[in-house]
Amino acid sequence: MQYEELIVELCDVIKESENNALAIYNNLEVINDKVNSLSILDHEKEKINSKVSESLGLLQHQDLYRQKIERVVNFVCEHNNIDKTQYGFAPSAKNIDSLDEIIDEDELEALIKQMQS
């Protein structure tokens, strides 16, 4: 298998993962809204909301794996002189602790403010 074929396959996995993650997130939001509007005991709502929250955590964990795949694709492209723009692929997410891709303080502060709103 050539690098280009590998990149195409990995990009397909990434795009499918992103689409599935969005659908799962939207479904969980609908479930959460429906549960909160039901006339059931509060502790039952809390149990369901807890499961929804756990599922969102797992979804976030899955997204970390997707980001790792993105980094592999970017690494392969960069080290083999492959134009990654032809795959319609976004650049890798920046790591907070990576020596190569350190987020500066302004970016980190903006990210934190965005998450708090």
Protein backbone atom coordinates (compact mmCIF):
# COMPACT_ATOMS: atom_id res chain seq x y z
CA MET A 1 0.00 0.00 0.00
CA GLN A 2 1.33 3.43 -0.93
CA TYR A 3 1.28 6.36 1.45
CA GLU A 4 -1.40 8.12 -0.59
CA GLU A 5 -3.71 5.11 -0.35
CA LEU A 6 -3.10 4.91 3.39
CA ILE A 7 -3.90 8.60 3.79
CA VAL A 8 -7.14 8.25 1.82
CA GLU A 9 -8.25 5.36 4.03
CA LEU A 10 -7.34 7.18 7.23
CA CYS A 11 -9.12 10.33 6.07
CA ASP A 12 -12.24 8.26 5.37
CA VAL A 13 -12.06 6.90 8.92
CA ILE A 14 -11.64 10.42 10.31
CA LYS A 15 -14.59 11.82 8.34
CA GLU A 16 -16.84 8.92 9.30
CA SER A 17 -15.77 9.29 12.93
CA GLU A 18 -16.56 13.01 12.88
CA ASN A 19 -19.98 12.40 11.32
CA ASN A 20 -20.80 9.63 13.81
CA ALA A 21 -19.62 11.72 16.74
CA LEU A 22 -21.85 14.61 15.70
CA ALA A 23 -24.86 12.30 15.32
CA ILE A 24 -24.19 10.68 18.71
CA TYR A 25 -23.79 14.06 20.39
CA ASN A 26 -27.03 15.35 18.87
CA ASN A 27 -28.90 12.20 19.90
CA LEU A 28 -27.61 12.46 23.46
CA GLU A 29 -28.67 16.10 23.65
CA VAL A 30 -32.20 15.13 22.51
CA ILE A 31 -32.31 12.35 25.10
CA ASN A 32 -31.12 14.70 27.82
CA ASP A 33 -33.74 17.31 26.91
CA LYS A 34 -36.54 14.70 26.80
CA VAL A 35 -35.54 13.21 30.15
CA ASN A 36 -35.53 16.61 31.81
CA SER A 37 -39.03 17.33 30.51
CA LEU A 38 -40.48 14.03 31.78
CA SER A 39 -42.47 13.71 34.97
CA ILE A 40 -40.32 11.11 36.66
CA LEU A 41 -38.58 10.99 39.99
CA ASP A 42 -35.53 13.22 40.27
CA HIS A 43 -33.21 10.35 41.17
CA GLU A 44 -34.32 8.52 38.00
CA LYS A 45 -33.56 11.64 35.95
CA GLU A 46 -30.16 11.83 37.63
CA LYS A 47 -29.42 8.21 36.72
CA ILE A 48 -30.28 8.81 33.07
CA ASN A 49 -28.41 12.11 32.95
CA SER A 50 -25.41 10.38 34.49
CA LYS A 51 -25.43 7.79 31.68
CA VAL A 52 -25.73 10.56 29.10
CA SER A 53 -22.78 12.31 30.73
CA GLU A 54 -20.73 9.09 30.72
CA SER A 55 -21.53 8.62 27.04
CA LEU A 56 -20.38 12.15 26.26
CA GLY A 57 -17.13 11.38 28.09
CA LEU A 58 -16.62 8.26 25.99
CA LEU A 59 -17.34 10.30 22.89
CA GLN A 60 -14.68 12.79 23.92
CA HIS A 61 -12.23 9.93 24.48
CA GLN A 62 -13.01 8.60 20.98
CA ASP A 63 -12.33 12.07 19.61
CA LEU A 64 -8.83 11.94 21.08
CA TYR A 65 -8.16 8.83 19.02
CA ARG A 66 -9.45 10.60 15.91
CA GLN A 67 -7.00 13.41 16.61
CA LYS A 68 -4.16 10.90 16.91
CA ILE A 69 -5.06 9.55 13.48
CA GLU A 70 -5.03 13.12 12.13
CA ARG A 71 -1.53 13.57 13.51
CA VAL A 72 -0.38 10.37 11.81
CA VAL A 73 -1.80 11.56 8.49
CA ASN A 74 -0.14 14.95 8.85
CA PHE A 75 3.16 13.34 9.83
CA VAL A 76 3.10 10.97 6.85
CA CYS A 77 2.25 13.83 4.49
CA GLU A 78 4.93 16.13 5.85
CA HIS A 79 7.67 13.50 5.84
CA ASN A 80 6.87 12.18 2.38
CA ASN A 81 6.30 15.49 0.59
CA ILE A 82 2.61 14.74 0.05
CA ASP A 83 0.28 17.69 -0.47
CA LYS A 84 -2.31 17.12 2.26
CA THR A 85 -4.61 19.82 0.91
CA GLN A 86 -5.71 17.46 -1.86
CA TYR A 87 -7.43 15.29 0.76
CA GLY A 88 -9.52 18.10 2.21
CA PHE A 89 -7.99 17.39 5.58
CA ALA A 90 -7.65 19.89 8.41
CA PRO A 91 -4.31 20.39 10.14
CA SER A 92 -3.78 18.52 13.40
CA ALA A 93 -5.08 19.95 16.61
CA LYS A 94 -2.47 21.61 18.76
CA ASN A 95 -1.35 19.96 21.95
CA ILE A 96 -0.97 21.96 25.11
CA ASP A 97 2.11 20.01 26.15
CA SER A 98 3.75 19.11 22.85
CA LEU A 99 7.16 20.66 22.25
CA ASP A 100 6.43 20.98 18.53
CA GLU A 101 2.96 22.47 18.78
CA ILE A 102 2.76 24.49 21.97
CA ILE A 103 -0.33 26.65 22.35
CA ASP A 104 0.69 30.16 23.31
CA GLU A 105 -0.86 31.79 26.37
CA ASP A 106 -3.32 33.93 24.37
CA GLU A 107 -4.63 30.87 22.49
CA LEU A 108 -4.94 28.90 25.73
CA GLU A 109 -6.75 31.76 27.48
CA ALA A 110 -9.17 32.12 24.54
CA LEU A 111 -9.80 28.37 24.56
CA ILE A 112 -10.55 28.39 28.29
CA LYS A 113 -12.93 31.37 27.92
CA GLN A 114 -14.70 29.64 25.06
CA MET A 115 -15.16 26.49 27.12
CA GLN A 116 -16.56 28.49 30.06
CA SER A 117 -19.27 30.18 27.99
